[in-house]
PDB file of N, CA and C in Angstrom:
ATOM      1  N   MET A   1     -77.856  19.009  32.762  1.00  0.00           N
ATOM      2  CA  MET A   1     -77.285  19.930  31.660  1.00  0.00           C
ATOM      3  C   MET A   1     -77.346  21.414  31.689  1.00  0.00           C
ATOM      4  N   GLU A   2     -78.442  21.882  32.452  1.00  0.00           N
ATOM      5  CA  GLU A   2     -79.104  23.312  32.410  1.00  0.00           C
ATOM      6  C   GLU A   2     -78.227  24.121  32.612  1.00  0.00           C
ATOM      7  N   VAL A   3     -77.014  23.624  33.098  1.00  0.00           N
ATOM      8  CA  VAL A   3     -76.155  24.779  32.708  1.00  0.00           C
ATOM      9  C   VAL A   3     -75.345  25.454  31.659  1.00  0.00           C
ATOM     10  N   LEU A   4     -75.480  24.308  30.644  1.00  0.00           N
ATOM     11  CA  LEU A   4     -74.627  24.573  29.901  1.00  0.00           C
ATOM     12  C   LEU A   4     -75.244  25.203  28.781  1.00  0.00           C
ATOM     13  N   SER A   5     -76.851  25.379  29.681  1.00  0.00           N
ATOM     14  CA  SER A   5     -78.023  26.330  28.496  1.00  0.00           C
ATOM     15  C   SER A   5     -77.662  28.248  28.942  1.00  0.00           C
ATOM     16  N   TYR A   6     -76.778  28.251  30.140  1.00  0.00           N
ATOM     17  CA  TYR A   6     -76.752  29.311  30.415  1.00  0.00           C
ATOM     18  C   TYR A   6     -74.822  29.650  30.090  1.00  0.00           C
ATOM     19  N   LEU A   7     -74.120  28.555  30.417  1.00  0.00           N
ATOM     20  CA  LEU A   7     -72.508  28.800  29.840  1.00  0.00           C
ATOM     21  C   LEU A   7     -72.847  29.687  28.615  1.00  0.00           C
ATOM     22  N   ILE A   8     -72.809  28.136  27.188  1.00  0.00           N
ATOM     23  CA  ILE A   8     -73.341  28.761  25.838  1.00  0.00           C
ATOM     24  C   ILE A   8     -73.225  30.254  25.288  1.00  0.00           C
ATOM     25  N   PRO A   9     -74.226  30.645  25.597  1.00  0.00           N
ATOM     26  CA  PRO A   9     -74.656  32.154  25.703  1.00  0.00           C
ATOM     27  C   PRO A   9     -73.535  33.191  25.991  1.00  0.00           C
ATOM     28  N   ILE A  10     -73.066  32.688  27.207  1.00  0.00           N
ATOM     29  CA  ILE A  10     -72.743  33.613  28.411  1.00  0.00           C
ATOM     30  C   ILE A  10     -70.931  33.883  27.562  1.00  0.00           C
ATOM     31  N   SER A  11     -70.513  32.946  26.799  1.00  0.00           N
ATOM     32  CA  SER A  11     -69.500  32.331  26.061  1.00  0.00           C
ATOM     33  C   SER A  11     -68.899  33.079  24.809  1.00  0.00           C
ATOM     34  N   LEU A  12     -70.833  33.155  24.023  1.00  0.00           N
ATOM     35  CA  LEU A  12     -70.766  33.769  23.177  1.00  0.00           C
ATOM     36  C   LEU A  12     -70.075  34.870  22.942  1.00  0.00           C
ATOM     37  N   VAL A  13     -71.277  35.538  23.956  1.00  0.00           N
ATOM     38  CA  VAL A  13     -71.436  37.247  24.375  1.00  0.00           C
ATOM     39  C   VAL A  13     -70.093  37.651  24.801  1.00  0.00           C
ATOM     40  N   MET A  14     -69.039  36.790  25.473  1.00  0.00           N
ATOM     41  CA  MET A  14     -67.835  37.309  25.803  1.00  0.00           C
ATOM     42  C   MET A  14     -66.397  36.872  24.473  1.00  0.00           C
ATOM     43  N   GLY A  15     -66.877  36.333  24.088  1.00  0.00           N
ATOM     44  CA  GLY A  15     -66.138  36.150  22.936  1.00  0.00           C
ATOM     45  C   GLY A  15     -66.684  37.289  21.859  1.00  0.00           C
ATOM     46  N   GLY A  16     -67.976  37.390  21.503  1.00  0.00           N
ATOM     47  CA  GLY A  16     -68.465  38.624  20.959  1.00  0.00           C
ATOM     48  C   GLY A  16     -67.639  39.490  21.130  1.00  0.00           C
ATOM     49  N   VAL A  17     -67.670  40.065  22.215  1.00  0.00           N
ATOM     50  CA  VAL A  17     -66.571  41.515  22.927  1.00  0.00           C
ATOM     51  C   VAL A  17     -65.650  41.663  22.814  1.00  0.00           C
ATOM     52  N   GLY A  18     -65.055  40.573  22.217  1.00  0.00           N
ATOM     53  CA  GLY A  18     -64.146  40.013  22.904  1.00  0.00           C
ATOM     54  C   GLY A  18     -63.207  40.522  21.356  1.00  0.00           C
ATOM     55  N   LEU A  19     -63.684  39.682  20.119  1.00  0.00           N
ATOM     56  CA  LEU A  19     -63.836  40.086  18.591  1.00  0.00           C
ATOM     57  C   LEU A  19     -64.087  41.031  18.389  1.00  0.00           C
ATOM     58  N   LEU A  20     -64.945  41.612  19.143  1.00  0.00           N
ATOM     59  CA  LEU A  20     -64.799  43.437  18.714  1.00  0.00           C
ATOM     60  C   LEU A  20     -64.593  44.573  19.354  1.00  0.00           C
ATOM     61  N   ALA A  21     -63.598  43.812  20.119  1.00  0.00           N
ATOM     62  CA  ALA A  21     -62.690  45.114  21.153  1.00  0.00           C
ATOM     63  C   ALA A  21     -62.164  44.272  20.478  1.00  0.00           C
ATOM     64  N   PHE A  22     -61.288  44.024  19.499  1.00  0.00           N
ATOM     65  CA  PHE A  22     -59.686  43.246  19.062  1.00  0.00           C
ATOM     66  C   PHE A  22     -59.872  44.200  17.686  1.00  0.00           C
ATOM     67  N   ILE A  23     -61.452  44.286  16.926  1.00  0.00           N
ATOM     68  CA  ILE A  23     -61.408  45.082  16.076  1.00  0.00           C
ATOM     69  C   ILE A  23     -61.181  45.983  15.811  1.00  0.00           C
ATOM     70  N   TYR A  24     -61.412  46.705  17.215  1.00  0.00           N
ATOM     71  CA  TYR A  24     -61.551  48.349  17.013  1.00  0.00           C
ATOM     72  C   TYR A  24     -60.285  48.708  17.208  1.00  0.00           C
ATOM     73  N   THR A  25     -59.420  48.331  17.921  1.00  0.00           N
ATOM     74  CA  THR A  25     -58.038  48.379  17.723  1.00  0.00           C
ATOM     75  C   THR A  25     -57.402  47.889  16.573  1.00  0.00           C
ATOM     76  N   VAL A  26     -57.549  47.146  16.138  1.00  0.00           N
ATOM     77  CA  VAL A  26     -57.345  47.035  14.431  1.00  0.00           C
ATOM     78  C   VAL A  26     -57.199  48.197  13.834  1.00  0.00           C
ATOM     79  N   ARG A  27     -58.194  48.745  13.746  1.00  0.00           N
ATOM     80  CA  ARG A  27     -59.370  50.063  12.650  1.00  0.00           C
ATOM     81  C   ARG A  27     -58.571  51.015  13.585  1.00  0.00           C
ATOM     82  N   SER A  28     -57.761  51.251  14.801  1.00  0.00           N
ATOM     83  CA  SER A  28     -57.697  52.810  15.005  1.00  0.00           C
ATOM     84  C   SER A  28     -56.099  52.315  15.529  1.00  0.00           C
ATOM     85  N   ASP A  29     -56.187  51.804  14.446  1.00  0.00           N
ATOM     86  CA  ASP A  29     -53.958  51.890  14.295  1.00  0.00           C
ATOM     87  C   ASP A  29     -53.100  51.436  15.460  1.00  0.00           C
ATOM     88  N   GLN A  30     -53.517  50.775  16.465  1.00  0.00           N
ATOM     89  CA  GLN A  30     -52.866  50.948  17.429  1.00  0.00           C
ATOM     90  C   GLN A  30     -51.599  49.405  17.373  1.00  0.00           C
ATOM     91  N   TYR A  31     -52.045  49.205  16.448  1.00  0.00           N
ATOM     92  CA  TYR A  31     -51.041  47.911  15.934  1.00  0.00           C
ATOM     93  C   TYR A  31     -50.207  48.363  14.559  1.00  0.00           C
ATOM     94  N   ASP A  32     -49.988  49.721  14.627  1.00  0.00           N
ATOM     95  CA  ASP A  32     -49.401  50.246  13.029  1.00  0.00           C
ATOM     96  C   ASP A  32     -48.001  50.253  12.986  1.00  0.00           C
ATOM     97  N   ASP A  33     -47.510  50.106  14.342  1.00  0.00           N
ATOM     98  CA  ASP A  33     -45.662  50.499  14.533  1.00  0.00           C
ATOM     99  C   ASP A  33     -45.186  49.528  15.412  1.00  0.00           C
ATOM    100  N   PRO A  34     -45.493  48.897  15.753  1.00  0.00           N
ATOM    101  CA  PRO A  34     -45.002  48.236  17.631  1.00  0.00           C
ATOM    102  C   PRO A  34     -43.155  48.176  17.222  1.00  0.00           C
ATOM    103  N   GLU A  35     -42.261  48.380  15.972  1.00  0.00           N
ATOM    104  CA  GLU A  35     -41.115  48.027  16.722  1.00  0.00           C
ATOM    105  C   GLU A  35     -40.591  49.855  16.426  1.00  0.00           C
ATOM    106  N   GLY A  36     -41.658  50.593  16.081  1.00  0.00           N
ATOM    107  CA  GLY A  36     -40.934  52.160  15.298  1.00  0.00           C
ATOM    108  C   GLY A  36     -39.475  52.526  16.817  1.00  0.00           C
ATOM    109  N   ASN A  37     -41.161  52.878  18.228  1.00  0.00           N
ATOM    110  CA  ASN A  37     -40.533  52.923  19.018  1.00  0.00           C
ATOM    111  C   ASN A  37     -38.875  52.355  19.849  1.00  0.00           C
ATOM    112  N   SER A  38     -38.639  51.583  19.358  1.00  0.00           N
ATOM    113  CA  SER A  38     -37.524  50.367  20.300  1.00  0.00           C
ATOM    114  C   SER A  38     -36.334  50.720  18.656  1.00  0.00           C
ATOM    115  N   GLN A  39     -37.035  51.626  17.345  1.00  0.00           N
ATOM    116  CA  GLN A  39     -35.688  51.801  16.714  1.00  0.00           C
ATOM    117  C   GLN A  39     -35.306  52.821  16.555  1.00  0.00           C
ATOM    118  N   ARG A  40     -36.020  53.875  17.261  1.00  0.00           N
ATOM    119  CA  ARG A  40     -35.957  55.468  17.412  1.00  0.00           C
ATOM    120  C   ARG A  40     -35.399  56.073  18.604  1.00  0.00           C
ATOM    121  N   ILE A  41     -35.453  55.112  19.456  1.00  0.00           N
ATOM    122  CA  ILE A  41     -34.689  55.531  20.915  1.00  0.00           C
ATOM    123  C   ILE A  41     -32.795  55.096  20.671  1.00  0.00           C
ATOM    124  N   LEU A  42     -32.685  54.519  19.882  1.00  0.00           N
ATOM    125  CA  LEU A  42     -31.652  54.035  19.316  1.00  0.00           C
ATOM    126  C   LEU A  42     -31.070  55.232  18.154  1.00  0.00           C
ATOM    127  N   ASN A  43     -31.773  55.591  17.633  1.00  0.00           N
ATOM    128  CA  ASN A  43     -31.561  56.433  16.259  1.00  0.00           C
ATOM    129  C   ASN A  43     -30.813  57.782  17.490  1.00  0.00           C
ATOM    130  N   SER A  44     -29.791  58.741  16.862  1.00  0.00           N
ATOM    131  CA  SER A  44     -29.807  59.417  17.551  1.00  0.00           C
ATOM    132  C   SER A  44     -29.834  61.447  17.074  1.00  0.00           C
ATOM    133  N   ASP A  45     -30.961  61.570  16.020  1.00  0.00           N
ATOM    134  CA  ASP A  45     -31.676  62.249  15.453  1.00  0.00           C
ATOM    135  C   ASP A  45     -32.976  62.608  15.793  1.00  0.00           C
ATOM    136  N   TYR A  46     -33.097  61.801  17.197  1.00  0.00           N
ATOM    137  CA  TYR A  46     -34.174  62.420  18.559  1.00  0.00           C
ATOM    138  C   TYR A  46     -33.633  62.458  19.559  1.00  0.00           C
ATOM    139  N   ASP A  47     -32.035  62.562  20.245  1.00  0.00           N
ATOM    140  CA  ASP A  47     -31.946  62.850  20.972  1.00  0.00           C
ATOM    141  C   ASP A  47     -31.927  64.105  21.855  1.00  0.00           C
ATOM    142  N   ASP A  48     -31.986  63.895  22.529  1.00  0.00           N
ATOM    143  CA  ASP A  48     -32.024  65.138  23.930  1.00  0.00           C
ATOM    144  C   ASP A  48     -31.737  66.323  24.272  1.00  0.00           C
ATOM    145  N   HIS A  49     -30.013  66.367  23.306  1.00  0.00           N
ATOM    146  CA  HIS A  49     -29.123  67.506  23.496  1.00  0.00           C
ATOM    147  C   HIS A  49     -28.961  67.148  22.526  1.00  0.00           C
ATOM    148  N   PRO A  50     -29.132  67.747  20.900  1.00  0.00           N
ATOM    149  CA  PRO A  50     -28.874  67.458  19.481  1.00  0.00           C
ATOM    150  C   PRO A  50     -27.469  67.872  19.037  1.00  0.00           C
ATOM    151  N   LYS A  51     -26.890  67.921  18.166  1.00  0.00           N
ATOM    152  CA  LYS A  51     -24.948  67.662  18.030  1.00  0.00           C
ATOM    153  C   LYS A  51     -25.507  69.665  17.498  1.00  0.00           C
ATOM    154  N   VAL A  52     -24.925  70.530  17.475  1.00  0.00           N
ATOM    155  CA  VAL A  52     -24.874  71.604  16.796  1.00  0.00           C
ATOM    156  C   VAL A  52     -23.763  72.458  15.708  1.00  0.00           C
ATOM    157  N   ASP A  53     -24.675  71.790  14.559  1.00  0.00           N
ATOM    158  CA  ASP A  53     -23.659  71.793  13.592  1.00  0.00           C
ATOM    159  C   ASP A  53     -23.143  73.598  13.859  1.00  0.00           C
TER     160      ASP A  53
END
């Protein structure tokens, strides 16, 4: 039972670090537009060799 006095605080600290990392990624807009690149790759407006009018 002594091991729980070490494992519980370690798990709480690791969970807190994970929560802070998640909050940081949300606030820095890393999840802003997850499907944007997949839509842009199909759009001909962003072609490497655009049509000349």
